[in-house]
Amino acid sequence: MMNASCCRRSRARPEIGLLLIGCALLCQPAWAFGVLTPQQLQRLLQVVEKKGSRTTVPPVVAAMLKFEPPQLSPSIKQAAFVDEEGTKHGFAPLNDGSGFFMFRSAPSFGQSVYHVDSNLNLVKAAHSFERDRMVTLPDDQGKKELTEELARWSRVLSPAGPVTKPPTFKDPPPASAKP
């Protein structure tokens, strides 16, 4: 009711304020999941459950990302894929249901790891270059990288499947493909 009284004081109609509050509440799930839709997240969790493999998170990574023992013990079940550039991407729900562990790893890039809450918001991120120690990423850099990582997973989980490059022709393209 405080909102309605504020609207009356500013001579605005209280219905508009209530409508805006209602829209904000209804729209929250759309932005809370970043670039992964709730349906894509459910699909990914099903893939992890049916086809995932067990793995352990190295202690240095667990410490950097501030994981608690119940989240990772004794192991977590993950799904992973390798993209067209040779980068490996992984996703694992935490054992206590509080969120997810995500990573991407490539020889030329190093490894980025993410602790993500149950709404796919960044908790903590870290990065290591080949043979270098792991360092915590600043929040803005971690959020940027996580958004990119979620976009990759979204493409893989889209109904049409992963985005692929057009085929390259060793021979001249067929006559129907010429402009």
N, C-alpha and C. Protein backbone atom coordinates (compact mmCIF):
# COMPACT_ATOMS: atom_id res chain seq x y z
N MET A 1 0.81 -1.20 0.00
CA MET A 1 0.00 0.00 0.00
C MET A 1 0.86 1.26 0.00
N MET A 2 2.08 1.14 0.49
CA MET A 2 2.95 2.31 0.48
C MET A 2 3.15 2.79 -0.95
N ASN A 3 3.24 1.89 -1.88
CA ASN A 3 3.43 2.27 -3.27
C ASN A 3 2.23 3.04 -3.80
N ALA A 4 1.04 2.61 -3.46
CA ALA A 4 -0.17 3.29 -3.91
C ALA A 4 -0.23 4.69 -3.33
N SER A 5 0.15 4.88 -2.05
CA SER A 5 0.12 6.21 -1.45
C SER A 5 1.17 7.11 -2.08
N CYS A 6 2.30 6.55 -2.47
CA CYS A 6 3.32 7.34 -3.16
C CYS A 6 2.80 7.82 -4.50
N CYS A 7 2.06 6.97 -5.17
CA CYS A 7 1.51 7.34 -6.47
C CYS A 7 0.49 8.44 -6.34
N ARG A 8 -0.35 8.40 -5.27
CA ARG A 8 -1.34 9.44 -5.07
C ARG A 8 -0.68 10.78 -4.81
N ARG A 9 0.41 10.75 -4.04
CA ARG A 9 1.09 12.02 -3.74
C ARG A 9 1.66 12.64 -5.01
N SER A 10 2.12 11.83 -5.93
CA SER A 10 2.70 12.37 -7.16
C SER A 10 1.64 12.57 -8.23
N ARG A 11 0.38 12.41 -7.85
CA ARG A 11 -0.78 12.60 -8.73
C ARG A 11 -0.80 11.61 -9.90
N ALA A 12 -0.04 10.54 -9.76
CA ALA A 12 -0.08 9.47 -10.77
C ALA A 12 -1.15 8.48 -10.37
N ARG A 13 -1.61 7.72 -11.29
CA ARG A 13 -2.64 6.75 -10.98
C ARG A 13 -2.00 5.54 -10.31
N PRO A 14 -2.56 5.06 -9.19
CA PRO A 14 -1.98 3.91 -8.49
C PRO A 14 -1.98 2.65 -9.34
N GLU A 15 -2.91 2.54 -10.29
CA GLU A 15 -2.95 1.36 -11.13
C GLU A 15 -1.67 1.19 -11.94
N ILE A 16 -1.10 2.30 -12.37
CA ILE A 16 0.12 2.22 -13.17
C ILE A 16 1.26 1.69 -12.32
N GLY A 17 1.38 2.16 -11.08
CA GLY A 17 2.42 1.66 -10.19
C GLY A 17 2.26 0.18 -9.90
N LEU A 18 1.03 -0.25 -9.64
CA LEU A 18 0.77 -1.66 -9.38
C LEU A 18 1.03 -2.49 -10.63
N LEU A 19 0.69 -1.96 -11.80
CA LEU A 19 0.95 -2.68 -13.05
C LEU A 19 2.46 -2.87 -13.26
N LEU A 20 3.24 -1.83 -12.98
CA LEU A 20 4.70 -1.95 -13.12
C LEU A 20 5.28 -2.96 -12.15
N ILE A 21 4.77 -2.97 -10.92
CA ILE A 21 5.24 -3.95 -9.94
C ILE A 21 4.89 -5.36 -10.40
N GLY A 22 3.68 -5.54 -10.89
CA GLY A 22 3.25 -6.85 -11.39
C GLY A 22 4.09 -7.31 -12.56
N CYS A 23 4.39 -6.40 -13.48
CA CYS A 23 5.24 -6.76 -14.63
C CYS A 23 6.63 -7.17 -14.18
N ALA A 24 7.18 -6.43 -13.22
CA ALA A 24 8.52 -6.76 -12.73
C ALA A 24 8.53 -8.15 -12.09
N LEU A 25 7.51 -8.47 -11.33
CA LEU A 25 7.44 -9.78 -10.69
C LEU A 25 7.25 -10.90 -11.71
N LEU A 26 6.43 -10.65 -12.72
CA LEU A 26 6.19 -11.66 -13.73
C LEU A 26 7.39 -11.85 -14.66
N CYS A 27 8.15 -10.80 -14.90
CA CYS A 27 9.27 -10.89 -15.83
C CYS A 27 10.54 -11.42 -15.18
N GLN A 28 10.60 -11.52 -13.87
CA GLN A 28 11.83 -11.92 -13.20
C GLN A 28 12.42 -13.23 -13.72
N PRO A 29 11.65 -14.31 -13.92
CA PRO A 29 12.28 -15.54 -14.39
C PRO A 29 12.96 -15.40 -15.74
N ALA A 30 12.48 -14.52 -16.60
CA ALA A 30 13.09 -14.38 -17.92
C ALA A 30 14.51 -13.85 -17.81
N TRP A 31 14.75 -12.87 -16.96
CA TRP A 31 16.12 -12.35 -16.88
C TRP A 31 16.97 -13.09 -15.87
N ALA A 32 16.36 -13.76 -14.92
CA ALA A 32 17.13 -14.46 -13.90
C ALA A 32 17.94 -15.61 -14.50
N PHE A 33 17.48 -16.15 -15.62
CA PHE A 33 18.17 -17.27 -16.24
C PHE A 33 19.14 -16.83 -17.32
N GLY A 34 19.46 -15.55 -17.39
CA GLY A 34 20.45 -15.09 -18.35
C GLY A 34 20.06 -15.49 -19.76
N VAL A 35 20.95 -16.15 -20.47
CA VAL A 35 20.65 -16.53 -21.84
C VAL A 35 20.20 -17.98 -21.95
N LEU A 36 20.09 -18.69 -20.85
CA LEU A 36 19.53 -20.05 -20.85
C LEU A 36 18.08 -19.95 -20.39
N THR A 37 17.18 -20.48 -21.16
CA THR A 37 15.79 -20.47 -20.74
C THR A 37 15.57 -21.55 -19.69
N PRO A 38 14.51 -21.45 -18.90
CA PRO A 38 14.22 -22.51 -17.94
C PRO A 38 14.07 -23.88 -18.63
N GLN A 39 13.52 -23.89 -19.85
CA GLN A 39 13.37 -25.16 -20.58
C GLN A 39 14.74 -25.73 -20.96
N GLN A 40 15.66 -24.86 -21.38
CA GLN A 40 17.00 -25.32 -21.72
C GLN A 40 17.73 -25.85 -20.49
N LEU A 41 17.55 -25.16 -19.36
CA LEU A 41 18.17 -25.63 -18.12
C LEU A 41 17.63 -27.01 -17.74
N GLN A 42 16.34 -27.21 -17.86
CA GLN A 42 15.74 -28.52 -17.55
C GLN A 42 16.30 -29.58 -18.50
N ARG A 43 16.42 -29.24 -19.77
CA ARG A 43 16.97 -30.18 -20.75
C ARG A 43 18.42 -30.53 -20.39
N LEU A 44 19.20 -29.53 -20.00
CA LEU A 44 20.59 -29.77 -19.63
C LEU A 44 20.67 -30.66 -18.39
N LEU A 45 19.83 -30.42 -17.41
CA LEU A 45 19.82 -31.27 -16.21
C LEU A 45 19.45 -32.71 -16.55
N GLN A 46 18.55 -32.90 -17.51
CA GLN A 46 18.20 -34.25 -17.94
C GLN A 46 19.38 -34.93 -18.63
N VAL A 47 20.12 -34.17 -19.43
CA VAL A 47 21.31 -34.73 -20.09
C VAL A 47 22.33 -35.15 -19.05
N VAL A 48 22.55 -34.30 -18.05
CA VAL A 48 23.50 -34.63 -16.98
C VAL A 48 23.06 -35.92 -16.29
N GLU A 49 21.78 -36.01 -15.97
CA GLU A 49 21.27 -37.18 -15.25
C GLU A 49 21.40 -38.46 -16.08
N LYS A 50 21.06 -38.39 -17.36
CA LYS A 50 21.05 -39.60 -18.20
C LYS A 50 22.43 -39.97 -18.74
N LYS A 51 23.23 -38.97 -19.13
CA LYS A 51 24.47 -39.26 -19.84
C LYS A 51 25.70 -38.69 -19.17
N GLY A 52 25.54 -38.03 -18.04
CA GLY A 52 26.67 -37.38 -17.38
C GLY A 52 27.66 -38.37 -16.79
N SER A 53 28.85 -37.87 -16.53
CA SER A 53 29.89 -38.70 -15.91
C SER A 53 30.30 -38.07 -14.58
N ARG A 54 30.75 -38.90 -13.68
CA ARG A 54 31.19 -38.44 -12.36
C ARG A 54 32.59 -37.84 -12.45
N THR A 55 32.80 -36.77 -11.70
CA THR A 55 34.10 -36.12 -11.66
C THR A 55 34.27 -35.45 -10.30
N THR A 56 35.50 -35.14 -9.96
CA THR A 56 35.78 -34.38 -8.75
C THR A 56 36.37 -33.04 -9.14
N VAL A 57 36.05 -32.02 -8.37
CA VAL A 57 36.59 -30.69 -8.59
C VAL A 57 37.90 -30.60 -7.81
N PRO A 58 38.99 -30.20 -8.46
CA PRO A 58 40.27 -30.10 -7.75
C PRO A 58 40.15 -29.19 -6.53
N PRO A 59 40.82 -29.52 -5.43
CA PRO A 59 40.72 -28.73 -4.20
C PRO A 59 41.05 -27.25 -4.39
N VAL A 60 42.03 -26.92 -5.23
CA VAL A 60 42.38 -25.51 -5.44
C VAL A 60 41.23 -24.76 -6.10
N VAL A 61 40.53 -25.41 -7.03
CA VAL A 61 39.38 -24.79 -7.69
C VAL A 61 38.24 -24.64 -6.69
N ALA A 62 37.97 -25.67 -5.91
CA ALA A 62 36.90 -25.61 -4.91
C ALA A 62 37.16 -24.47 -3.92
N ALA A 63 38.40 -24.28 -3.51
CA ALA A 63 38.73 -23.21 -2.57
C ALA A 63 38.56 -21.84 -3.22
N MET A 64 39.01 -21.69 -4.45
CA MET A 64 38.89 -20.40 -5.16
C MET A 64 37.44 -19.99 -5.35
N LEU A 65 36.58 -20.98 -5.62
CA LEU A 65 35.18 -20.68 -5.90
C LEU A 65 34.30 -20.71 -4.65
N LYS A 66 34.94 -20.93 -3.49
CA LYS A 66 34.23 -20.90 -2.20
C LYS A 66 33.14 -21.96 -2.09
N PHE A 67 33.41 -23.16 -2.63
CA PHE A 67 32.46 -24.26 -2.48
C PHE A 67 32.56 -24.83 -1.08
N GLU A 68 31.45 -25.32 -0.57
CA GLU A 68 31.39 -26.02 0.71
C GLU A 68 31.45 -27.52 0.42
N PRO A 69 32.02 -28.33 1.32
CA PRO A 69 32.13 -29.78 1.08
C PRO A 69 30.83 -30.47 0.65
N PRO A 70 29.67 -30.18 1.25
CA PRO A 70 28.46 -30.88 0.81
C PRO A 70 28.07 -30.60 -0.65
N GLN A 71 28.54 -29.49 -1.20
CA GLN A 71 28.20 -29.17 -2.58
C GLN A 71 28.91 -30.08 -3.58
N LEU A 72 30.08 -30.59 -3.21
CA LEU A 72 30.91 -31.35 -4.15
C LEU A 72 31.20 -32.78 -3.74
N SER A 73 30.86 -33.17 -2.52
CA SER A 73 31.26 -34.49 -2.00
C SER A 73 30.24 -35.56 -2.30
N PRO A 74 30.67 -36.76 -2.60
CA PRO A 74 32.04 -37.18 -2.87
C PRO A 74 32.49 -36.77 -4.28
N SER A 75 31.52 -36.63 -5.21
CA SER A 75 31.83 -36.19 -6.57
C SER A 75 30.57 -35.55 -7.13
N ILE A 76 30.71 -34.92 -8.30
CA ILE A 76 29.55 -34.33 -8.96
C ILE A 76 29.39 -34.99 -10.33
N LYS A 77 28.19 -34.91 -10.86
CA LYS A 77 27.91 -35.49 -12.17
C LYS A 77 27.84 -34.35 -13.18
N GLN A 78 28.61 -34.47 -14.25
CA GLN A 78 28.71 -33.38 -15.21
C GLN A 78 28.37 -33.82 -16.63
N ALA A 79 28.03 -32.84 -17.44
CA ALA A 79 27.92 -33.02 -18.89
C ALA A 79 28.94 -32.07 -19.51
N ALA A 80 29.53 -32.46 -20.61
CA ALA A 80 30.53 -31.63 -21.26
C ALA A 80 30.44 -31.80 -22.77
N PHE A 81 30.91 -30.79 -23.48
CA PHE A 81 31.02 -30.88 -24.94
C PHE A 81 32.26 -30.10 -25.37
N VAL A 82 32.73 -30.43 -26.56
CA VAL A 82 33.87 -29.73 -27.16
C VAL A 82 33.33 -28.98 -28.38
N ASP A 83 33.58 -27.66 -28.43
CA ASP A 83 33.07 -26.88 -29.55
C ASP A 83 33.99 -26.96 -30.76
N GLU A 84 33.59 -26.27 -31.82
CA GLU A 84 34.34 -26.35 -33.09
C GLU A 84 35.75 -25.78 -32.99
N GLU A 85 36.05 -24.95 -31.98
CA GLU A 85 37.41 -24.44 -31.79
C GLU A 85 38.26 -25.34 -30.90
N GLY A 86 37.68 -26.42 -30.39
CA GLY A 86 38.42 -27.34 -29.54
C GLY A 86 38.36 -26.99 -28.06
N THR A 87 37.50 -26.06 -27.68
CA THR A 87 37.33 -25.69 -26.28
C THR A 87 36.33 -26.63 -25.62
N LYS A 88 36.69 -27.15 -24.46
CA LYS A 88 35.80 -28.05 -23.71
C LYS A 88 34.99 -27.22 -22.74
N HIS A 89 33.68 -27.47 -22.70
CA HIS A 89 32.75 -26.77 -21.83
C HIS A 89 32.08 -27.80 -20.92
N GLY A 90 31.99 -27.50 -19.62
CA GLY A 90 31.37 -28.44 -18.69
C GLY A 90 30.35 -27.77 -17.80
N PHE A 91 29.39 -28.58 -17.37
CA PHE A 91 28.29 -28.11 -16.52
C PHE A 91 27.95 -29.22 -15.54
N ALA A 92 27.83 -28.87 -14.25
CA ALA A 92 27.47 -29.87 -13.23
C ALA A 92 26.61 -29.23 -12.15
N PRO A 93 25.46 -29.83 -11.84
CA PRO A 93 24.70 -29.34 -10.70
C PRO A 93 25.42 -29.70 -9.39
N LEU A 94 25.34 -28.82 -8.41
CA LEU A 94 25.94 -29.10 -7.11
C LEU A 94 25.07 -30.09 -6.36
N ASN A 95 25.69 -30.92 -5.55
CA ASN A 95 24.98 -32.00 -4.84
C ASN A 95 23.88 -31.50 -3.91
N ASP A 96 24.04 -30.30 -3.35
CA ASP A 96 23.03 -29.81 -2.40
C ASP A 96 21.93 -28.99 -3.08
N GLY A 97 21.96 -28.89 -4.41
CA GLY A 97 20.92 -28.17 -5.15
C GLY A 97 21.06 -26.66 -5.10
N SER A 98 22.16 -26.14 -4.56
CA SER A 98 22.32 -24.70 -4.40
C SER A 98 22.79 -23.98 -5.66
N GLY A 99 23.16 -24.70 -6.68
CA GLY A 99 23.65 -24.06 -7.89
C GLY A 99 24.41 -25.02 -8.77
N PHE A 100 25.42 -24.47 -9.48
CA PHE A 100 26.11 -25.24 -10.50
C PHE A 100 27.60 -24.91 -10.53
N PHE A 101 28.36 -25.86 -11.05
CA PHE A 101 29.77 -25.65 -11.37
C PHE A 101 29.87 -25.69 -12.88
N MET A 102 30.51 -24.68 -13.46
CA MET A 102 30.70 -24.63 -14.91
C MET A 102 32.16 -24.35 -15.20
N PHE A 103 32.61 -24.81 -16.37
CA PHE A 103 33.99 -24.50 -16.77
C PHE A 103 34.11 -24.47 -18.28
N ARG A 104 35.19 -23.86 -18.73
CA ARG A 104 35.62 -23.97 -20.12
C ARG A 104 37.14 -24.07 -20.11
N SER A 105 37.66 -24.87 -21.00
CA SER A 105 39.08 -25.15 -21.00
C SER A 105 39.60 -25.36 -22.42
N ALA A 106 40.69 -24.67 -22.74
CA ALA A 106 41.34 -24.82 -24.05
C ALA A 106 42.84 -24.62 -23.86
N PRO A 107 43.65 -25.37 -24.61
CA PRO A 107 45.10 -25.23 -24.45
C PRO A 107 45.60 -23.79 -24.64
N SER A 108 45.08 -23.07 -25.61
CA SER A 108 45.55 -21.71 -25.86
C SER A 108 44.91 -20.68 -24.94
N PHE A 109 43.79 -20.99 -24.35
CA PHE A 109 43.02 -20.06 -23.54
C PHE A 109 43.27 -20.25 -22.04
N GLY A 110 43.53 -21.45 -21.63
CA GLY A 110 43.61 -21.76 -20.21
C GLY A 110 42.28 -22.31 -19.74
N GLN A 111 41.97 -22.12 -18.49
CA GLN A 111 40.73 -22.64 -17.93
C GLN A 111 40.01 -21.57 -17.13
N SER A 112 38.72 -21.42 -17.38
CA SER A 112 37.86 -20.56 -16.57
C SER A 112 36.87 -21.45 -15.85
N VAL A 113 36.64 -21.17 -14.58
CA VAL A 113 35.71 -21.95 -13.76
C VAL A 113 34.73 -21.00 -13.10
N TYR A 114 33.51 -21.47 -12.91
CA TYR A 114 32.44 -20.62 -12.40
C TYR A 114 31.63 -21.34 -11.33
N HIS A 115 31.35 -20.65 -10.25
CA HIS A 115 30.38 -21.10 -9.24
C HIS A 115 29.15 -20.25 -9.50
N VAL A 116 28.04 -20.92 -9.83
CA VAL A 116 26.82 -20.25 -10.25
C VAL A 116 25.70 -20.66 -9.31
N ASP A 117 24.85 -19.70 -8.91
CA ASP A 117 23.74 -20.05 -8.02
C ASP A 117 22.62 -20.72 -8.81
N SER A 118 21.54 -21.07 -8.12
CA SER A 118 20.46 -21.83 -8.77
C SER A 118 19.69 -21.01 -9.81
N ASN A 119 19.85 -19.67 -9.80
CA ASN A 119 19.23 -18.82 -10.82
C ASN A 119 20.21 -18.45 -11.93
N LEU A 120 21.34 -19.14 -11.98
CA LEU A 120 22.40 -18.93 -12.97
C LEU A 120 23.07 -17.57 -12.85
N ASN A 121 23.12 -17.05 -11.64
CA ASN A 121 23.86 -15.82 -11.36
C ASN A 121 25.24 -16.20 -10.85
N LEU A 122 26.24 -15.42 -11.21
CA LEU A 122 27.61 -15.69 -10.80
C LEU A 122 27.79 -15.52 -9.30
N VAL A 123 28.39 -16.50 -8.66
CA VAL A 123 28.80 -16.39 -7.27
C VAL A 123 30.28 -16.02 -7.23
N LYS A 124 31.10 -16.78 -7.99
CA LYS A 124 32.55 -16.55 -8.02
C LYS A 124 33.09 -17.15 -9.31
N ALA A 125 34.13 -16.52 -9.87
CA ALA A 125 34.78 -17.03 -11.07
C ALA A 125 36.29 -16.95 -10.89
N ALA A 126 36.99 -17.86 -11.55
CA ALA A 126 38.45 -17.86 -11.51
C ALA A 126 38.98 -18.31 -12.86
N HIS A 127 40.25 -17.99 -13.12
CA HIS A 127 40.87 -18.33 -14.40
C HIS A 127 42.32 -18.71 -14.18
N SER A 128 42.79 -19.62 -15.00
CA SER A 128 44.22 -19.95 -14.99
C SER A 128 44.68 -20.07 -16.43
N PHE A 129 45.90 -19.62 -16.67
CA PHE A 129 46.52 -19.82 -17.96
C PHE A 129 47.36 -21.07 -17.86
N GLU A 130 47.76 -21.60 -18.99
CA GLU A 130 48.53 -22.84 -18.98
C GLU A 130 49.70 -22.73 -18.00
N ARG A 131 49.76 -23.66 -17.05
CA ARG A 131 50.81 -23.78 -16.04
C ARG A 131 50.89 -22.62 -15.05
N ASP A 132 49.96 -21.69 -15.11
CA ASP A 132 49.92 -20.61 -14.13
C ASP A 132 48.96 -20.98 -13.02
N ARG A 133 49.11 -20.31 -11.91
CA ARG A 133 48.18 -20.56 -10.80
C ARG A 133 46.83 -19.94 -11.12
N MET A 134 45.82 -20.41 -10.43
CA MET A 134 44.47 -19.92 -10.62
C MET A 134 44.31 -18.59 -9.89
N VAL A 135 43.64 -17.62 -10.53
CA VAL A 135 43.37 -16.33 -9.92
C VAL A 135 41.88 -16.04 -9.99
N THR A 136 41.36 -15.40 -8.97
CA THR A 136 39.95 -15.01 -8.95
C THR A 136 39.73 -13.88 -9.95
N LEU A 137 38.65 -13.97 -10.70
CA LEU A 137 38.31 -12.92 -11.65
C LEU A 137 37.50 -11.83 -10.96
N PRO A 138 37.68 -10.58 -11.34
CA PRO A 138 36.80 -9.51 -10.83
C PRO A 138 35.36 -9.84 -11.24
N ASP A 139 34.39 -9.40 -10.44
CA ASP A 139 32.99 -9.74 -10.70
C ASP A 139 32.54 -9.37 -12.11
N ASP A 140 32.90 -8.18 -12.60
CA ASP A 140 32.43 -7.77 -13.92
C ASP A 140 33.01 -8.66 -15.02
N GLN A 141 34.26 -9.04 -14.91
CA GLN A 141 34.87 -9.94 -15.89
C GLN A 141 34.26 -11.34 -15.79
N GLY A 142 34.05 -11.82 -14.56
CA GLY A 142 33.42 -13.13 -14.37
C GLY A 142 32.02 -13.17 -14.94
N LYS A 143 31.23 -12.11 -14.72
CA LYS A 143 29.87 -12.06 -15.26
C LYS A 143 29.88 -12.05 -16.78
N LYS A 144 30.81 -11.30 -17.36
CA LYS A 144 30.92 -11.25 -18.82
C LYS A 144 31.24 -12.63 -19.38
N GLU A 145 32.22 -13.30 -18.80
CA GLU A 145 32.59 -14.63 -19.27
C GLU A 145 31.47 -15.63 -19.05
N LEU A 146 30.78 -15.54 -17.90
CA LEU A 146 29.67 -16.46 -17.64
C LEU A 146 28.56 -16.27 -18.66
N THR A 147 28.26 -15.03 -19.00
CA THR A 147 27.24 -14.76 -20.00
C THR A 147 27.62 -15.39 -21.34
N GLU A 148 28.89 -15.28 -21.72
CA GLU A 148 29.36 -15.91 -22.95
C GLU A 148 29.23 -17.43 -22.86
N GLU A 149 29.56 -17.98 -21.70
CA GLU A 149 29.47 -19.44 -21.52
C GLU A 149 28.02 -19.91 -21.59
N LEU A 150 27.12 -19.18 -20.95
CA LEU A 150 25.70 -19.54 -21.00
C LEU A 150 25.18 -19.45 -22.43
N ALA A 151 25.66 -18.48 -23.20
CA ALA A 151 25.25 -18.37 -24.61
C ALA A 151 25.70 -19.60 -25.40
N ARG A 152 26.90 -20.10 -25.12
CA ARG A 152 27.37 -21.32 -25.81
C ARG A 152 26.46 -22.50 -25.48
N TRP A 153 26.13 -22.66 -24.21
CA TRP A 153 25.25 -23.75 -23.80
C TRP A 153 23.87 -23.58 -24.43
N SER A 154 23.39 -22.35 -24.52
CA SER A 154 22.09 -22.10 -25.11
C SER A 154 22.06 -22.53 -26.57
N ARG A 155 23.13 -22.24 -27.31
CA ARG A 155 23.20 -22.67 -28.71
C ARG A 155 23.18 -24.18 -28.83
N VAL A 156 23.89 -24.86 -27.94
CA VAL A 156 23.94 -26.32 -27.97
C VAL A 156 22.57 -26.90 -27.62
N LEU A 157 21.86 -26.24 -26.73
CA LEU A 157 20.58 -26.75 -26.25
C LEU A 157 19.38 -26.26 -27.05
N SER A 158 19.61 -25.44 -28.06
CA SER A 158 18.50 -24.92 -28.83
C SER A 158 17.81 -26.06 -29.56
N PRO A 159 16.53 -25.93 -29.86
CA PRO A 159 15.80 -27.02 -30.51
C PRO A 159 16.44 -27.46 -31.83
N ALA A 160 17.07 -26.54 -32.54
CA ALA A 160 17.70 -26.90 -33.81
C ALA A 160 19.08 -27.52 -33.60
N GLY A 161 19.54 -27.59 -32.36
CA GLY A 161 20.86 -28.15 -32.09
C GLY A 161 21.92 -27.07 -32.12
N PRO A 162 23.17 -27.47 -32.03
CA PRO A 162 24.24 -26.48 -31.99
C PRO A 162 24.37 -25.71 -33.29
N VAL A 163 24.81 -24.49 -33.16
CA VAL A 163 25.08 -23.67 -34.34
C VAL A 163 26.33 -24.22 -35.01
N THR A 164 26.27 -24.47 -36.29
CA THR A 164 27.43 -25.01 -37.00
C THR A 164 27.80 -24.08 -38.13
N LYS A 165 29.05 -24.15 -38.54
CA LYS A 165 29.51 -23.35 -39.67
C LYS A 165 28.99 -23.98 -40.95
N PRO A 166 28.80 -23.16 -42.01
CA PRO A 166 28.36 -23.75 -43.27
C PRO A 166 29.43 -24.68 -43.83
N PRO A 167 29.03 -25.69 -44.59
CA PRO A 167 30.02 -26.63 -45.11
C PRO A 167 30.99 -25.94 -46.06
N THR A 168 32.21 -26.41 -46.06
CA THR A 168 33.19 -25.91 -47.03
C THR A 168 33.27 -26.91 -48.16
N PHE A 169 33.36 -26.42 -49.36
CA PHE A 169 33.39 -27.27 -50.53
C PHE A 169 34.83 -27.45 -50.99
N LYS A 170 35.25 -28.69 -51.18
CA LYS A 170 36.57 -28.96 -51.74
C LYS A 170 36.52 -28.75 -53.25
N ASP A 171 35.40 -29.13 -53.84
CA ASP A 171 35.18 -28.91 -55.27
C ASP A 171 34.37 -27.64 -55.40
N PRO A 172 34.25 -27.10 -56.58
CA PRO A 172 33.38 -25.91 -56.74
C PRO A 172 31.98 -26.22 -56.25
N PRO A 173 31.29 -25.23 -55.68
CA PRO A 173 29.94 -25.48 -55.21
C PRO A 173 29.02 -25.89 -56.35
N PRO A 174 27.97 -26.64 -56.03
CA PRO A 174 27.04 -27.05 -57.09
C PRO A 174 26.47 -25.82 -57.80
N ALA A 175 26.03 -26.02 -59.03
CA ALA A 175 25.51 -24.91 -59.84
C ALA A 175 24.37 -24.21 -59.14
N SER A 176 23.58 -24.94 -58.37
CA SER A 176 22.45 -24.32 -57.67
C SER A 176 22.90 -23.39 -56.57
N ALA A 177 24.15 -23.50 -56.10
CA ALA A 177 24.64 -22.65 -55.02
C ALA A 177 25.32 -21.40 -55.53
N LYS A 178 25.57 -21.31 -56.86
CA LYS A 178 26.24 -20.12 -57.41
C LYS A 178 25.24 -18.98 -57.52
N PRO A 179 25.72 -17.73 -57.26
CA PRO A 179 24.80 -16.58 -57.37
C PRO A 179 24.41 -16.29 -58.78
